[in-house]
Amino acid sequence: MNTNLMTLEGRLNAHRKLLVSLVALLDTVPEARETIQRLKLEQETHGDHEEDPGIDPDEAYAVQRIAAQEIMDIIGAGIKRSASEDRRHSGEQLELGVDEA
């Protein structure tokens, strides 16, 4: 792999990790959670409102679907991380004998 592709891949991976962390944080805020869920739903239903691309969709359509899938993957990973952290913190509180108010 050439240096330019390695640099691009490294940067994309860093951006994705950062975005997943931000989604996980935002998922803890009720107002933001609604927005995140709406954005994910928009990506899931995005293709339903467009013309049928046919058997061999053009590159623009393919790139658009890849982008929509990446958004759904990032949001999904962030929500899973947030839920995992919630479960972990709940378990820690129970171990310490802290009552949930």
PDB file of N, CA and C in Angstrom:
ATOM      1  N   MET A   1       0.858  -1.171   0.000  1.00  0.00           N
ATOM      2  CA  MET A   1       0.000   0.000   0.000  1.00  0.00           C
ATOM      3  C   MET A   1       0.904   1.233   0.000  1.00  0.00           C
ATOM      4  N   ASN A   2       0.579   2.200  -0.854  1.00  0.00           N
ATOM      5  CA  ASN A   2       1.449   3.367  -0.905  1.00  0.00           C
ATOM      6  C   ASN A   2       1.176   4.307   0.264  1.00  0.00           C
ATOM      7  N   THR A   3       2.086   5.224   0.474  1.00  0.00           N
ATOM      8  CA  THR A   3       2.028   6.122   1.623  1.00  0.00           C
ATOM      9  C   THR A   3       0.756   6.964   1.639  1.00  0.00           C
ATOM     10  N   ASN A   4       0.310   7.442   0.491  1.00  0.00           N
ATOM     11  CA  ASN A   4      -0.908   8.261   0.451  1.00  0.00           C
ATOM     12  C   ASN A   4      -2.133   7.466   0.898  1.00  0.00           C
ATOM     13  N   LEU A   5      -2.241   6.217   0.456  1.00  0.00           N
ATOM     14  CA  LEU A   5      -3.370   5.383   0.870  1.00  0.00           C
ATOM     15  C   LEU A   5      -3.293   5.043   2.361  1.00  0.00           C
ATOM     16  N   MET A   6      -2.096   4.801   2.861  1.00  0.00           N
ATOM     17  CA  MET A   6      -1.927   4.517   4.285  1.00  0.00           C
ATOM     18  C   MET A   6      -2.314   5.734   5.119  1.00  0.00           C
ATOM     19  N   THR A   7      -1.904   6.910   4.672  1.00  0.00           N
ATOM     20  CA  THR A   7      -2.256   8.144   5.382  1.00  0.00           C
ATOM     21  C   THR A   7      -3.765   8.342   5.380  1.00  0.00           C
ATOM     22  N   LEU A   8      -4.388   8.151   4.231  1.00  0.00           N
ATOM     23  CA  LEU A   8      -5.831   8.299   4.122  1.00  0.00           C
ATOM     24  C   LEU A   8      -6.550   7.297   5.023  1.00  0.00           C
ATOM     25  N   GLU A   9      -6.121   6.047   4.997  1.00  0.00           N
ATOM     26  CA  GLU A   9      -6.746   5.024   5.830  1.00  0.00           C
ATOM     27  C   GLU A   9      -6.595   5.357   7.313  1.00  0.00           C
ATOM     28  N   GLY A  10      -5.406   5.797   7.708  1.00  0.00           N
ATOM     29  CA  GLY A  10      -5.177   6.161   9.102  1.00  0.00           C
ATOM     30  C   GLY A  10      -6.061   7.313   9.541  1.00  0.00           C
ATOM     31  N   ARG A  11      -6.189   8.303   8.700  1.00  0.00           N
ATOM     32  CA  ARG A  11      -7.035   9.453   9.030  1.00  0.00           C
ATOM     33  C   ARG A  11      -8.507   9.060   9.101  1.00  0.00           C
ATOM     34  N   LEU A  12      -8.963   8.251   8.153  1.00  0.00           N
ATOM     35  CA  LEU A  12     -10.358   7.803   8.186  1.00  0.00           C
ATOM     36  C   LEU A  12     -10.653   6.995   9.450  1.00  0.00           C
ATOM     37  N   ASN A  13      -9.729   6.124   9.826  1.00  0.00           N
ATOM     38  CA  ASN A  13      -9.906   5.348  11.056  1.00  0.00           C
ATOM     39  C   ASN A  13      -9.971   6.253  12.278  1.00  0.00           C
ATOM     40  N   ALA A  14      -9.112   7.272  12.322  1.00  0.00           N
ATOM     41  CA  ALA A  14      -9.120   8.207  13.444  1.00  0.00           C
ATOM     42  C   ALA A  14     -10.441   8.981  13.497  1.00  0.00           C
ATOM     43  N   HIS A  15     -10.910   9.436  12.345  1.00  0.00           N
ATOM     44  CA  HIS A  15     -12.187  10.165  12.292  1.00  0.00           C
ATOM     45  C   HIS A  15     -13.335   9.276  12.754  1.00  0.00           C
ATOM     46  N   ARG A  16     -13.322   8.039  12.310  1.00  0.00           N
ATOM     47  CA  ARG A  16     -14.400   7.121  12.683  1.00  0.00           C
ATOM     48  C   ARG A  16     -14.409   6.879  14.193  1.00  0.00           C
ATOM     49  N   LYS A  17     -13.238   6.656  14.783  1.00  0.00           N
ATOM     50  CA  LYS A  17     -13.155   6.435  16.233  1.00  0.00           C
ATOM     51  C   LYS A  17     -13.663   7.651  16.993  1.00  0.00           C
ATOM     52  N   LEU A  18     -13.271   8.823  16.542  1.00  0.00           N
ATOM     53  CA  LEU A  18     -13.712  10.056  17.188  1.00  0.00           C
ATOM     54  C   LEU A  18     -15.231  10.207  17.071  1.00  0.00           C
ATOM     55  N   LEU A  19     -15.777   9.957  15.888  1.00  0.00           N
ATOM     56  CA  LEU A  19     -17.216  10.091  15.688  1.00  0.00           C
ATOM     57  C   LEU A  19     -18.000   9.077  16.527  1.00  0.00           C
ATOM     58  N   VAL A  20     -17.524   7.853  16.621  1.00  0.00           N
ATOM     59  CA  VAL A  20     -18.194   6.854  17.459  1.00  0.00           C
ATOM     60  C   VAL A  20     -18.204   7.322  18.913  1.00  0.00           C
ATOM     61  N   SER A  21     -17.089   7.852  19.390  1.00  0.00           N
ATOM     62  CA  SER A  21     -17.022   8.357  20.764  1.00  0.00           C
ATOM     63  C   SER A  21     -17.977   9.520  20.984  1.00  0.00           C
ATOM     64  N   LEU A  22     -18.064  10.419  20.015  1.00  0.00           N
ATOM     65  CA  LEU A  22     -18.979  11.552  20.128  1.00  0.00           C
ATOM     66  C   LEU A  22     -20.438  11.105  20.129  1.00  0.00           C
ATOM     67  N   VAL A  23     -20.773  10.137  19.271  1.00  0.00           N
ATOM     68  CA  VAL A  23     -22.141   9.617  19.260  1.00  0.00           C
ATOM     69  C   VAL A  23     -22.457   8.956  20.599  1.00  0.00           C
ATOM     70  N   ALA A  24     -21.513   8.203  21.155  1.00  0.00           N
ATOM     71  CA  ALA A  24     -21.725   7.557  22.454  1.00  0.00           C
ATOM     72  C   ALA A  24     -21.988   8.603  23.534  1.00  0.00           C
ATOM     73  N   LEU A  25     -21.246   9.687  23.508  1.00  0.00           N
ATOM     74  CA  LEU A  25     -21.449  10.764  24.483  1.00  0.00           C
ATOM     75  C   LEU A  25     -22.803  11.434  24.271  1.00  0.00           C
ATOM     76  N   LEU A  26     -23.124  11.762  23.029  1.00  0.00           N
ATOM     77  CA  LEU A  26     -24.397  12.420  22.732  1.00  0.00           C
ATOM     78  C   LEU A  26     -25.591  11.526  23.064  1.00  0.00           C
ATOM     79  N   ASP A  27     -25.400  10.228  22.986  1.00  0.00           N
ATOM     80  CA  ASP A  27     -26.495   9.303  23.284  1.00  0.00           C
ATOM     81  C   ASP A  27     -26.903   9.360  24.751  1.00  0.00           C
ATOM     82  N   THR A  28     -26.086   9.958  25.594  1.00  0.00           N
ATOM     83  CA  THR A  28     -26.423  10.096  27.011  1.00  0.00           C
ATOM     84  C   THR A  28     -27.284  11.332  27.271  1.00  0.00           C
ATOM     85  N   VAL A  29     -27.470  12.172  26.263  1.00  0.00           N
ATOM     86  CA  VAL A  29     -28.276  13.393  26.389  1.00  0.00           C
ATOM     87  C   VAL A  29     -29.617  13.139  25.693  1.00  0.00           C
ATOM     88  N   PRO A  30     -30.731  13.148  26.439  1.00  0.00           N
ATOM     89  CA  PRO A  30     -32.025  12.797  25.838  1.00  0.00           C
ATOM     90  C   PRO A  30     -32.370  13.573  24.567  1.00  0.00           C
ATOM     91  N   GLU A  31     -32.144  14.875  24.547  1.00  0.00           N
ATOM     92  CA  GLU A  31     -32.467  15.666  23.356  1.00  0.00           C
ATOM     93  C   GLU A  31     -31.606  15.247  22.167  1.00  0.00           C
ATOM     94  N   ALA A  32     -30.350  14.980  22.421  1.00  0.00           N
ATOM     95  CA  ALA A  32     -29.438  14.560  21.354  1.00  0.00           C
ATOM     96  C   ALA A  32     -29.765  13.143  20.891  1.00  0.00           C
ATOM     97  N   ARG A  33     -30.197  12.292  21.808  1.00  0.00           N
ATOM     98  CA  ARG A  33     -30.537  10.904  21.460  1.00  0.00           C
ATOM     99  C   ARG A  33     -31.632  10.865  20.396  1.00  0.00           C
ATOM    100  N   GLU A  34     -32.620  11.728  20.530  1.00  0.00           N
ATOM    101  CA  GLU A  34     -33.700  11.785  19.542  1.00  0.00           C
ATOM    102  C   GLU A  34     -33.155  12.165  18.162  1.00  0.00           C
ATOM    103  N   THR A  35     -32.244  13.122  18.121  1.00  0.00           N
ATOM    104  CA  THR A  35     -31.651  13.552  16.861  1.00  0.00           C
ATOM    105  C   THR A  35     -30.825  12.442  16.235  1.00  0.00           C
ATOM    106  N   ILE A  36     -30.069  11.734  17.051  1.00  0.00           N
ATOM    107  CA  ILE A  36     -29.245  10.619  16.565  1.00  0.00           C
ATOM    108  C   ILE A  36     -30.129   9.531  15.959  1.00  0.00           C
ATOM    109  N   GLN A  37     -31.201   9.195  16.658  1.00  0.00           N
ATOM    110  CA  GLN A  37     -32.107   8.162  16.150  1.00  0.00           C
ATOM    111  C   GLN A  37     -32.766   8.598  14.838  1.00  0.00           C
ATOM    112  N   ARG A  38     -33.123   9.872  14.747  1.00  0.00           N
ATOM    113  CA  ARG A  38     -33.742  10.388  13.527  1.00  0.00           C
ATOM    114  C   ARG A  38     -32.754  10.328  12.357  1.00  0.00           C
ATOM    115  N   LEU A  39     -31.509  10.721  12.610  1.00  0.00           N
ATOM    116  CA  LEU A  39     -30.483  10.675  11.561  1.00  0.00           C
ATOM    117  C   LEU A  39     -30.264   9.243  11.081  1.00  0.00           C
ATOM    118  N   LYS A  40     -30.225   8.308  12.011  1.00  0.00           N
ATOM    119  CA  LYS A  40     -30.044   6.904  11.634  1.00  0.00           C
ATOM    120  C   LYS A  40     -31.231   6.427  10.801  1.00  0.00           C
ATOM    121  N   LEU A  41     -32.434   6.765  11.214  1.00  0.00           N
ATOM    122  CA  LEU A  41     -33.622   6.364  10.469  1.00  0.00           C
ATOM    123  C   LEU A  41     -33.636   6.970   9.066  1.00  0.00           C
ATOM    124  N   GLU A  42     -33.206   8.226   8.951  1.00  0.00           N
ATOM    125  CA  GLU A  42     -33.136   8.869   7.636  1.00  0.00           C
ATOM    126  C   GLU A  42     -32.192   8.112   6.708  1.00  0.00           C
ATOM    127  N   GLN A  43     -31.089   7.617   7.237  1.00  0.00           N
ATOM    128  CA  GLN A  43     -30.130   6.876   6.417  1.00  0.00           C
ATOM    129  C   GLN A  43     -30.696   5.521   6.027  1.00  0.00           C
ATOM    130  N   GLU A  44     -31.418   4.885   6.956  1.00  0.00           N
ATOM    131  CA  GLU A  44     -31.984   3.568   6.688  1.00  0.00           C
ATOM    132  C   GLU A  44     -33.048   3.631   5.600  1.00  0.00           C
ATOM    133  N   THR A  45     -33.823   4.707   5.585  1.00  0.00           N
ATOM    134  CA  THR A  45     -34.922   4.824   4.626  1.00  0.00           C
ATOM    135  C   THR A  45     -34.553   5.656   3.413  1.00  0.00           C
ATOM    136  N   HIS A  46     -33.329   6.135   3.373  1.00  0.00           N
ATOM    137  CA  HIS A  46     -32.877   7.019   2.295  1.00  0.00           C
ATOM    138  C   HIS A  46     -33.122   6.430   0.910  1.00  0.00           C
ATOM    139  N   GLY A  47     -32.764   5.201   0.720  1.00  0.00           N
ATOM    140  CA  GLY A  47     -32.889   4.561  -0.583  1.00  0.00           C
ATOM    141  C   GLY A  47     -34.326   4.317  -1.014  1.00  0.00           C
ATOM    142  N   ASP A  48     -35.244   4.305  -0.063  1.00  0.00           N
ATOM    143  CA  ASP A  48     -36.640   4.035  -0.401  1.00  0.00           C
ATOM    144  C   ASP A  48     -37.295   5.159  -1.188  1.00  0.00           C
ATOM    145  N   HIS A  49     -36.731   6.346  -1.134  1.00  0.00           N
ATOM    146  CA  HIS A  49     -37.364   7.498  -1.752  1.00  0.00           C
ATOM    147  C   HIS A  49     -36.687   7.913  -3.049  1.00  0.00           C
ATOM    148  N   GLU A  50     -35.868   7.048  -3.580  1.00  0.00           N
ATOM    149  CA  GLU A  50     -35.158   7.378  -4.812  1.00  0.00           C
ATOM    150  C   GLU A  50     -35.555   6.424  -5.917  1.00  0.00           C
ATOM    151  N   GLU A  51     -35.188   6.791  -7.106  1.00  0.00           N
ATOM    152  CA  GLU A  51     -35.471   5.924  -8.244  1.00  0.00           C
ATOM    153  C   GLU A  51     -34.683   4.625  -8.106  1.00  0.00           C
ATOM    154  N   ASP A  52     -35.223   3.583  -8.700  1.00  0.00           N
ATOM    155  CA  ASP A  52     -34.547   2.294  -8.713  1.00  0.00           C
ATOM    156  C   ASP A  52     -33.250   2.430  -9.512  1.00  0.00           C
ATOM    157  N   PRO A  53     -32.112   2.100  -8.885  1.00  0.00           N
ATOM    158  CA  PRO A  53     -30.835   2.266  -9.595  1.00  0.00           C
ATOM    159  C   PRO A  53     -30.613   1.223 -10.678  1.00  0.00           C
ATOM    160  N   GLY A  54     -31.473   0.218 -10.751  1.00  0.00           N
ATOM    161  CA  GLY A  54     -31.292  -0.822 -11.760  1.00  0.00           C
ATOM    162  C   GLY A  54     -30.300  -1.871 -11.304  1.00  0.00           C
ATOM    163  N   ILE A  55     -29.954  -2.746 -12.210  1.00  0.00           N
ATOM    164  CA  ILE A  55     -29.043  -3.844 -11.880  1.00  0.00           C
ATOM    165  C   ILE A  55     -27.629  -3.332 -11.636  1.00  0.00           C
ATOM    166  N   ASP A  56     -27.204  -2.347 -12.397  1.00  0.00           N
ATOM    167  CA  ASP A  56     -25.845  -1.828 -12.302  1.00  0.00           C
ATOM    168  C   ASP A  56     -25.887  -0.346 -11.930  1.00  0.00           C
ATOM    169  N   PRO A  57     -25.989  -0.046 -10.611  1.00  0.00           N
ATOM    170  CA  PRO A  57     -26.068   1.365 -10.219  1.00  0.00           C
ATOM    171  C   PRO A  57     -24.788   2.108 -10.583  1.00  0.00           C
ATOM    172  N   ASP A  58     -24.939   3.379 -10.896  1.00  0.00           N
ATOM    173  CA  ASP A  58     -23.752   4.152 -11.252  1.00  0.00           C
ATOM    174  C   ASP A  58     -22.909   4.444 -10.008  1.00  0.00           C
ATOM    175  N   GLU A  59     -21.723   4.964 -10.227  1.00  0.00           N
ATOM    176  CA  GLU A  59     -20.785   5.196  -9.132  1.00  0.00           C
ATOM    177  C   GLU A  59     -21.325   6.178  -8.102  1.00  0.00           C
ATOM    178  N   ALA A  60     -22.022   7.221  -8.552  1.00  0.00           N
ATOM    179  CA  ALA A  60     -22.545   8.215  -7.617  1.00  0.00           C
ATOM    180  C   ALA A  60     -23.520   7.569  -6.641  1.00  0.00           C
ATOM    181  N   TYR A  61     -24.393   6.712  -7.150  1.00  0.00           N
ATOM    182  CA  TYR A  61     -25.345   6.025  -6.282  1.00  0.00           C
ATOM    183  C   TYR A  61     -24.604   5.101  -5.322  1.00  0.00           C
ATOM    184  N   ALA A  62     -23.613   4.388  -5.817  1.00  0.00           N
ATOM    185  CA  ALA A  62     -22.852   3.466  -4.974  1.00  0.00           C
ATOM    186  C   ALA A  62     -22.145   4.219  -3.846  1.00  0.00           C
ATOM    187  N   VAL A  63     -21.543   5.344  -4.159  1.00  0.00           N
ATOM    188  CA  VAL A  63     -20.853   6.147  -3.140  1.00  0.00           C
ATOM    189  C   VAL A  63     -21.855   6.662  -2.114  1.00  0.00           C
ATOM    190  N   GLN A  64     -23.010   7.079  -2.566  1.00  0.00           N
ATOM    191  CA  GLN A  64     -24.053   7.581  -1.675  1.00  0.00           C
ATOM    192  C   GLN A  64     -24.506   6.478  -0.710  1.00  0.00           C
ATOM    193  N   ARG A  65     -24.690   5.265  -1.206  1.00  0.00           N
ATOM    194  CA  ARG A  65     -25.103   4.148  -0.349  1.00  0.00           C
ATOM    195  C   ARG A  65     -24.003   3.772   0.642  1.00  0.00           C
ATOM    196  N   ILE A  66     -22.752   3.826   0.189  1.00  0.00           N
ATOM    197  CA  ILE A  66     -21.635   3.533   1.097  1.00  0.00           C
ATOM    198  C   ILE A  66     -21.599   4.556   2.223  1.00  0.00           C
ATOM    199  N   ALA A  67     -21.787   5.824   1.881  1.00  0.00           N
ATOM    200  CA  ALA A  67     -21.792   6.887   2.896  1.00  0.00           C
ATOM    201  C   ALA A  67     -22.941   6.689   3.879  1.00  0.00           C
ATOM    202  N   ALA A  68     -24.124   6.370   3.374  1.00  0.00           N
ATOM    203  CA  ALA A  68     -25.276   6.141   4.246  1.00  0.00           C
ATOM    204  C   ALA A  68     -25.020   4.963   5.177  1.00  0.00           C
ATOM    205  N   GLN A  69     -24.425   3.890   4.653  1.00  0.00           N
ATOM    206  CA  GLN A  69     -24.118   2.723   5.477  1.00  0.00           C
ATOM    207  C   GLN A  69     -23.089   3.069   6.552  1.00  0.00           C
ATOM    208  N   GLU A  70     -22.101   3.873   6.200  1.00  0.00           N
ATOM    209  CA  GLU A  70     -21.077   4.266   7.175  1.00  0.00           C
ATOM    210  C   GLU A  70     -21.697   5.101   8.295  1.00  0.00           C
ATOM    211  N   ILE A  71     -22.608   6.000   7.941  1.00  0.00           N
ATOM    212  CA  ILE A  71     -23.294   6.798   8.971  1.00  0.00           C
ATOM    213  C   ILE A  71     -24.065   5.873   9.907  1.00  0.00           C
ATOM    214  N   MET A  72     -24.800   4.919   9.355  1.00  0.00           N
ATOM    215  CA  MET A  72     -25.553   3.978  10.193  1.00  0.00           C
ATOM    216  C   MET A  72     -24.615   3.151  11.072  1.00  0.00           C
ATOM    217  N   ASP A  73     -23.486   2.733  10.514  1.00  0.00           N
ATOM    218  CA  ASP A  73     -22.515   1.939  11.286  1.00  0.00           C
ATOM    219  C   ASP A  73     -21.923   2.751  12.430  1.00  0.00           C
ATOM    220  N   ILE A  74     -21.579   4.007  12.174  1.00  0.00           N
ATOM    221  CA  ILE A  74     -21.001   4.862  13.208  1.00  0.00           C
ATOM    222  C   ILE A  74     -22.018   5.119  14.312  1.00  0.00           C
ATOM    223  N   ILE A  75     -23.239   5.458  13.927  1.00  0.00           N
ATOM    224  CA  ILE A  75     -24.280   5.702  14.930  1.00  0.00           C
ATOM    225  C   ILE A  75     -24.550   4.430  15.728  1.00  0.00           C
ATOM    226  N   GLY A  76     -24.655   3.298  15.037  1.00  0.00           N
ATOM    227  CA  GLY A  76     -24.894   2.035  15.730  1.00  0.00           C
ATOM    228  C   GLY A  76     -23.788   1.699  16.716  1.00  0.00           C
ATOM    229  N   ALA A  77     -22.543   1.901  16.311  1.00  0.00           N
ATOM    230  CA  ALA A  77     -21.410   1.620  17.201  1.00  0.00           C
ATOM    231  C   ALA A  77     -21.415   2.557  18.405  1.00  0.00           C
ATOM    232  N   GLY A  78     -21.757   3.821  18.174  1.00  0.00           N
ATOM    233  CA  GLY A  78     -21.817   4.779  19.278  1.00  0.00           C
ATOM    234  C   GLY A  78     -22.906   4.432  20.276  1.00  0.00           C
ATOM    235  N   ILE A  79     -24.080   4.031  19.772  1.00  0.00           N
ATOM    236  CA  ILE A  79     -25.188   3.647  20.652  1.00  0.00           C
ATOM    237  C   ILE A  79     -24.823   2.393  21.450  1.00  0.00           C
ATOM    238  N   LYS A  80     -24.194   1.424  20.803  1.00  0.00           N
ATOM    239  CA  LYS A  80     -23.769   0.212  21.508  1.00  0.00           C
ATOM    240  C   LYS A  80     -22.753   0.539  22.598  1.00  0.00           C
ATOM    241  N   ARG A  81     -21.804   1.425  22.278  1.00  0.00           N
ATOM    242  CA  ARG A  81     -20.794   1.809  23.280  1.00  0.00           C
ATOM    243  C   ARG A  81     -21.460   2.497  24.460  1.00  0.00           C
ATOM    244  N   SER A  82     -22.402   3.388  24.175  1.00  0.00           N
ATOM    245  CA  SER A  82     -23.109   4.092  25.235  1.00  0.00           C
ATOM    246  C   SER A  82     -23.867   3.118  26.130  1.00  0.00           C
ATOM    247  N   ALA A  83     -24.561   2.161  25.525  1.00  0.00           N
ATOM    248  CA  ALA A  83     -25.311   1.163  26.293  1.00  0.00           C
ATOM    249  C   ALA A  83     -24.370   0.298  27.125  1.00  0.00           C
ATOM    250  N   SER A  84     -23.238  -0.061  26.562  1.00  0.00           N
ATOM    251  CA  SER A  84     -22.249  -0.868  27.274  1.00  0.00           C
ATOM    252  C   SER A  84     -21.706  -0.116  28.483  1.00  0.00           C
ATOM    253  N   GLU A  85     -21.430   1.168  28.295  1.00  0.00           N
ATOM    254  CA  GLU A  85     -20.927   1.984  29.406  1.00  0.00           C
ATOM    255  C   GLU A  85     -21.991   2.159  30.476  1.00  0.00           C
ATOM    256  N   ASP A  86     -23.261   2.283  30.067  1.00  0.00           N
ATOM    257  CA  ASP A  86     -24.355   2.382  31.036  1.00  0.00           C
ATOM    258  C   ASP A  86     -24.431   1.121  31.882  1.00  0.00           C
ATOM    259  N   ARG A  87     -24.348  -0.048  31.223  1.00  0.00           N
ATOM    260  CA  ARG A  87     -24.394  -1.313  31.962  1.00  0.00           C
ATOM    261  C   ARG A  87     -23.198  -1.448  32.899  1.00  0.00           C
ATOM    262  N   ARG A  88     -22.030  -1.027  32.426  1.00  0.00           N
ATOM    263  CA  ARG A  88     -20.821  -1.127  33.255  1.00  0.00           C
ATOM    264  C   ARG A  88     -20.944  -0.235  34.482  1.00  0.00           C
ATOM    265  N   HIS A  89     -21.432   0.994  34.283  1.00  0.00           N
ATOM    266  CA  HIS A  89     -21.575   1.922  35.407  1.00  0.00           C
ATOM    267  C   HIS A  89     -22.653   1.449  36.377  1.00  0.00           C
ATOM    268  N   SER A  90     -23.713   0.853  35.869  1.00  0.00           N
ATOM    269  CA  SER A  90     -24.754   0.319  36.743  1.00  0.00           C
ATOM    270  C   SER A  90     -24.196  -0.800  37.602  1.00  0.00           C
ATOM    271  N   GLY A  91     -23.384  -1.660  37.003  1.00  0.00           N
ATOM    272  CA  GLY A  91     -22.759  -2.740  37.748  1.00  0.00           C
ATOM    273  C   GLY A  91     -21.799  -2.236  38.805  1.00  0.00           C
ATOM    274  N   GLU A  92     -21.052  -1.183  38.493  1.00  0.00           N
ATOM    275  CA  GLU A  92     -20.126  -0.601  39.465  1.00  0.00           C
ATOM    276  C   GLU A  92     -20.884  -0.009  40.637  1.00  0.00           C
ATOM    277  N   GLN A  93     -22.016   0.648  40.367  1.00  0.00           N
ATOM    278  CA  GLN A  93     -22.802   1.235  41.445  1.00  0.00           C
ATOM    279  C   GLN A  93     -23.357   0.154  42.356  1.00  0.00           C
ATOM    280  N   LEU A  94     -23.810  -0.963  41.773  1.00  0.00           N
ATOM    281  CA  LEU A  94     -24.331  -2.053  42.582  1.00  0.00           C
ATOM    282  C   LEU A  94     -23.234  -2.668  43.437  1.00  0.00           C
ATOM    283  N   GLU A  95     -22.031  -2.824  42.873  1.00  0.00           N
ATOM    284  CA  GLU A  95     -20.910  -3.400  43.632  1.00  0.00           C
ATOM    285  C   GLU A  95     -20.512  -2.506  44.793  1.00  0.00           C
ATOM    286  N   LEU A  96     -20.619  -1.191  44.606  1.00  0.00           N
ATOM    287  CA  LEU A  96     -20.248  -0.253  45.657  1.00  0.00           C
ATOM    288  C   LEU A  96     -21.370  -0.024  46.647  1.00  0.00           C
ATOM    289  N   GLY A  97     -22.556  -0.580  46.395  1.00  0.00           N
ATOM    290  CA  GLY A  97     -23.695  -0.394  47.273  1.00  0.00           C
ATOM    291  C   GLY A  97     -24.340   0.960  47.112  1.00  0.00           C
ATOM    292  N   VAL A  98     -24.168   1.583  45.971  1.00  0.00           N
ATOM    293  CA  VAL A  98     -24.759   2.892  45.715  1.00  0.00           C
ATOM    294  C   VAL A  98     -26.179   2.679  45.195  1.00  0.00           C
ATOM    295  N   ASP A  99     -27.133   3.317  45.839  1.00  0.00           N
ATOM    296  CA  ASP A  99     -28.519   3.217  45.384  1.00  0.00           C
ATOM    297  C   ASP A  99     -28.733   4.179  44.244  1.00  0.00           C
ATOM    298  N   GLU A 100     -29.468   3.719  43.254  1.00  0.00           N
ATOM    299  CA  GLU A 100     -29.839   4.594  42.149  1.00  0.00           C
ATOM    300  C   GLU A 100     -31.039   5.397  42.570  1.00  0.00           C
ATOM    301  N   ALA A 101     -30.938   6.705  42.447  1.00  0.00           N
ATOM    302  CA  ALA A 101     -32.022   7.580  42.870  1.00  0.00           C
ATOM    303  C   ALA A 101     -33.063   7.724  41.793  1.00  0.00           C
TER     304      ALA A 101
END
